[in-house]
Each structure stands twice: as structure tokens, then as C-alpha cells.
Amino acid sequence: MKNILFFFIGICILVVGLIIYIGESNSYKYEPRYFLGYSKGENYILDTQTGVTLEHSGYSYEVQLDYLYSYGKTGFLKLDLNSGQTYYLFDDQTDEIYKNNILNRCLIEKKEQKPILTYIWTNKNDLTLEEQTIYNRLKEKRMRYPNHSIIVKII
């Protein structure tokens, strides 16, 4: 009789643990965070949470599981869809106005002691081989952005 009681208690603990695990794993929320748009003849990428335009006058983009890559007058952009961190590489095609806007955003993040979300690569050698391949591929493409949101998981 004692063994049956221990067996029953063990099964109950297992069931309760399983219910808690399932409840926790399904507690993520998803929301549209980034918008790829086309307006007035120009492509752009907007962070809808912060209101910051991450890409102005984009030429091409590529979306992977955790990253969005873009190339345009803002330079080469890598956007981490999980953390919201942005990485920029400026090249000879980068517009000085857009470059200055991004550099000012970096200074504001540092000055206001906000979490650093904007990083600048100094040259193409800072990129991984995969990032260099994507950079070269996007630099050669021209496309229209689709006017849709990218939905990310909120933890």
C-alpha cells in the first residue's frame, strides 16, 4: 500500500511539472517589430518599437532565421532580430547624411547610458566570411521592399 502511495505521488509531481513546463514554453508573445517598406520610390526599414528608421534608401535585403541584412545608402546593415542590436558597415556608397544620423544615434546611446544597440564595423575585414558573402550578394542586387512587418518573439 505504501508503494502505491509513493507511485501515485510521483505521478502527480510529474504531471504538475509537465503542466508548468508546457505553460512556460508557451508564454512567449510575438509581435511585429520591424517594417520593411516602400514609399515615394525608396525602400526603408523601420523599428516600430523605437520609431527609428534603420535603413534609408535600401537597395536589397535578405532575411534569415535570426538576422535581417540590408544594403543601401545607409551602408550594410545587420539586424539581430532577437536582441534588436544593429551593426553597420559604411562603404563608398554610404550617404554622408545617413552615416551622420547613425553616428549621432551611437553618441546618444552612450551619452544617455542606454543599452548599446548600435555598433559600427570599421571595415569589411570585421565581417565574418558569411557576412562578407551576404554583403557582396546584396551589393549587386536591386529590389523593392515588400511593405510588410517582420514578427519577432518577445521574451
Protein backbone atom coordinates (compact mmCIF):
# COMPACT_ATOMS: atom_id res chain seq x y z
CA MET A 1 0.00 0.00 0.00
CA LYS A 2 2.89 2.33 0.82
CA ASN A 3 4.46 1.68 -2.61
CA ILE A 4 1.21 2.54 -4.38
CA LEU A 5 1.01 5.84 -2.45
CA PHE A 6 4.60 6.78 -3.41
CA PHE A 7 3.90 5.81 -7.02
CA PHE A 8 0.75 7.97 -7.08
CA ILE A 9 2.58 10.97 -5.52
CA GLY A 10 5.42 10.56 -8.06
CA ILE A 11 2.94 10.56 -10.95
CA CYS A 12 1.21 13.68 -9.53
CA ILE A 13 4.55 15.53 -9.23
CA LEU A 14 5.43 14.53 -12.78
CA VAL A 15 2.09 15.76 -14.13
CA VAL A 16 2.34 19.09 -12.25
CA GLY A 17 5.90 19.59 -13.52
CA LEU A 18 4.82 18.86 -17.07
CA ILE A 19 1.95 21.34 -16.85
CA ILE A 20 4.30 24.05 -15.54
CA TYR A 21 6.83 23.31 -18.29
CA ILE A 22 4.21 23.48 -21.04
CA GLY A 23 2.78 26.69 -19.61
CA GLU A 24 6.22 28.33 -19.50
CA SER A 25 7.20 27.25 -23.01
CA ASN A 26 4.01 28.71 -24.48
CA SER A 27 4.27 32.00 -22.64
CA TYR A 28 6.20 33.79 -25.39
CA LYS A 29 4.49 36.62 -27.18
CA TYR A 30 5.03 37.53 -30.80
CA GLU A 31 4.65 40.99 -32.21
CA PRO A 32 5.53 42.85 -35.39
CA ARG A 33 8.74 44.71 -34.60
CA TYR A 34 10.31 45.73 -37.90
CA PHE A 35 8.63 47.05 -41.01
CA LEU A 36 10.14 46.78 -44.47
CA GLY A 37 8.52 49.42 -46.58
CA TYR A 38 8.49 51.16 -49.91
CA SER A 39 7.31 54.75 -50.20
CA LYS A 40 7.90 57.56 -52.68
CA GLY A 41 10.31 55.43 -54.69
CA GLU A 42 12.54 54.46 -51.74
CA ASN A 43 12.90 51.37 -49.58
CA TYR A 44 13.24 51.65 -45.81
CA ILE A 45 13.35 49.56 -42.62
CA LEU A 46 11.58 50.93 -39.56
CA ASP A 47 11.88 49.72 -35.96
CA THR A 48 8.25 50.08 -34.88
CA GLN A 49 9.13 49.77 -31.19
CA THR A 50 11.58 52.69 -31.11
CA GLY A 51 10.35 54.62 -34.13
CA VAL A 52 13.87 54.71 -35.59
CA THR A 53 14.38 54.25 -39.31
CA LEU A 54 17.22 51.74 -39.53
CA GLU A 55 17.64 51.79 -43.31
CA HIS A 56 17.06 54.69 -45.69
CA SER A 57 17.07 54.22 -49.45
CA GLY A 58 17.74 50.50 -49.30
CA TYR A 59 18.72 48.59 -52.43
CA SER A 60 18.33 44.98 -51.28
CA TYR A 61 17.69 42.86 -48.22
CA GLU A 62 17.82 39.27 -47.00
CA VAL A 63 16.05 37.71 -44.03
CA GLN A 64 17.41 34.69 -42.17
CA LEU A 65 16.15 32.97 -39.04
CA ASP A 66 17.75 35.38 -36.54
CA TYR A 67 19.03 38.20 -38.73
CA LEU A 68 17.93 40.71 -41.31
CA TYR A 69 20.58 42.07 -43.68
CA SER A 70 20.18 45.13 -45.86
CA TYR A 71 22.31 47.16 -48.22
CA GLY A 72 21.64 50.70 -49.36
CA LYS A 73 22.62 54.32 -48.94
CA THR A 74 22.88 53.69 -45.20
CA GLY A 75 25.58 51.10 -45.88
CA PHE A 76 25.46 47.42 -44.97
CA LEU A 77 23.10 46.67 -42.09
CA LYS A 78 22.90 43.53 -39.97
CA LEU A 79 19.94 43.48 -37.62
CA ASP A 80 19.75 40.90 -34.83
CA LEU A 81 16.04 40.07 -34.67
CA ASN A 82 16.33 38.65 -31.14
CA SER A 83 18.23 41.42 -29.37
CA GLY A 84 17.43 44.43 -31.56
CA GLN A 85 21.14 45.19 -32.00
CA THR A 86 22.16 46.79 -35.28
CA TYR A 87 25.53 46.59 -36.96
CA TYR A 88 26.54 48.95 -39.78
CA LEU A 89 29.37 48.91 -42.26
CA PHE A 90 29.88 52.15 -44.16
CA ASP A 91 31.40 51.98 -47.63
CA ASP A 92 31.92 54.22 -50.66
CA GLN A 93 28.16 54.10 -51.45
CA THR A 94 27.10 55.33 -47.98
CA ASP A 95 25.37 58.71 -47.95
CA GLU A 96 27.06 61.11 -45.50
CA ILE A 97 23.73 62.33 -44.08
CA TYR A 98 22.64 58.79 -43.19
CA LYS A 99 26.09 57.98 -41.83
CA ASN A 100 25.97 61.05 -39.56
CA ASN A 101 22.47 60.10 -38.33
CA ILE A 102 23.70 56.64 -37.32
CA LEU A 103 26.83 58.02 -35.64
CA ASN A 104 24.68 60.52 -33.72
CA ARG A 105 22.42 57.66 -32.57
CA CYS A 106 25.53 55.88 -31.23
CA LEU A 107 26.57 59.01 -29.33
CA ILE A 108 23.10 59.45 -27.83
CA GLU A 109 23.06 55.82 -26.63
CA LYS A 110 26.41 56.36 -24.91
CA LYS A 111 25.57 59.79 -23.51
CA GLU A 112 22.20 58.74 -22.08
CA GLN A 113 23.75 55.50 -20.83
CA LYS A 114 21.14 53.45 -22.64
CA PRO A 115 21.89 49.86 -23.60
CA ILE A 116 24.13 49.95 -26.65
CA LEU A 117 22.13 48.70 -29.62
CA THR A 118 24.07 50.29 -32.49
CA TYR A 119 27.53 49.07 -33.50
CA ILE A 120 29.78 50.25 -36.31
CA TRP A 121 32.16 47.94 -38.14
CA THR A 122 35.34 49.78 -39.11
CA ASN A 123 35.93 47.89 -42.36
CA LYS A 124 34.92 44.84 -44.36
CA ASN A 125 37.52 42.71 -42.54
CA ASP A 126 35.38 42.96 -39.36
CA LEU A 127 32.70 40.85 -41.06
CA THR A 128 32.63 37.07 -40.84
CA LEU A 129 33.01 35.13 -44.08
CA GLU A 130 29.24 34.55 -44.18
CA GLU A 131 28.58 38.28 -43.62
CA GLN A 132 31.07 39.19 -46.37
CA THR A 133 29.28 36.82 -48.75
CA ILE A 134 25.91 38.38 -47.91
CA TYR A 135 27.39 41.90 -48.23
CA ASN A 136 28.74 41.11 -51.72
CA ARG A 137 25.48 39.47 -52.80
CA LEU A 138 23.29 42.35 -51.57
CA LYS A 139 25.57 44.99 -53.05
CA GLU A 140 24.90 43.55 -56.51
CA LYS A 141 21.08 43.31 -56.14
CA ARG A 142 18.29 45.83 -56.54
CA MET A 143 14.78 45.06 -55.31
CA ARG A 144 11.66 46.68 -53.97
CA TYR A 145 10.89 46.12 -50.27
CA PRO A 146 7.57 44.34 -49.70
CA ASN A 147 5.63 46.62 -47.28
CA HIS A 148 5.24 44.04 -44.54
CA SER A 149 6.23 43.50 -40.92
CA ILE A 150 8.73 41.05 -39.51
CA ILE A 151 7.30 39.36 -36.43
CA VAL A 152 9.71 38.57 -33.59
CA LYS A 153 9.40 36.62 -30.36
CA ILE A 154 9.22 38.76 -27.23
CA ILE A 155 10.77 37.08 -24.21
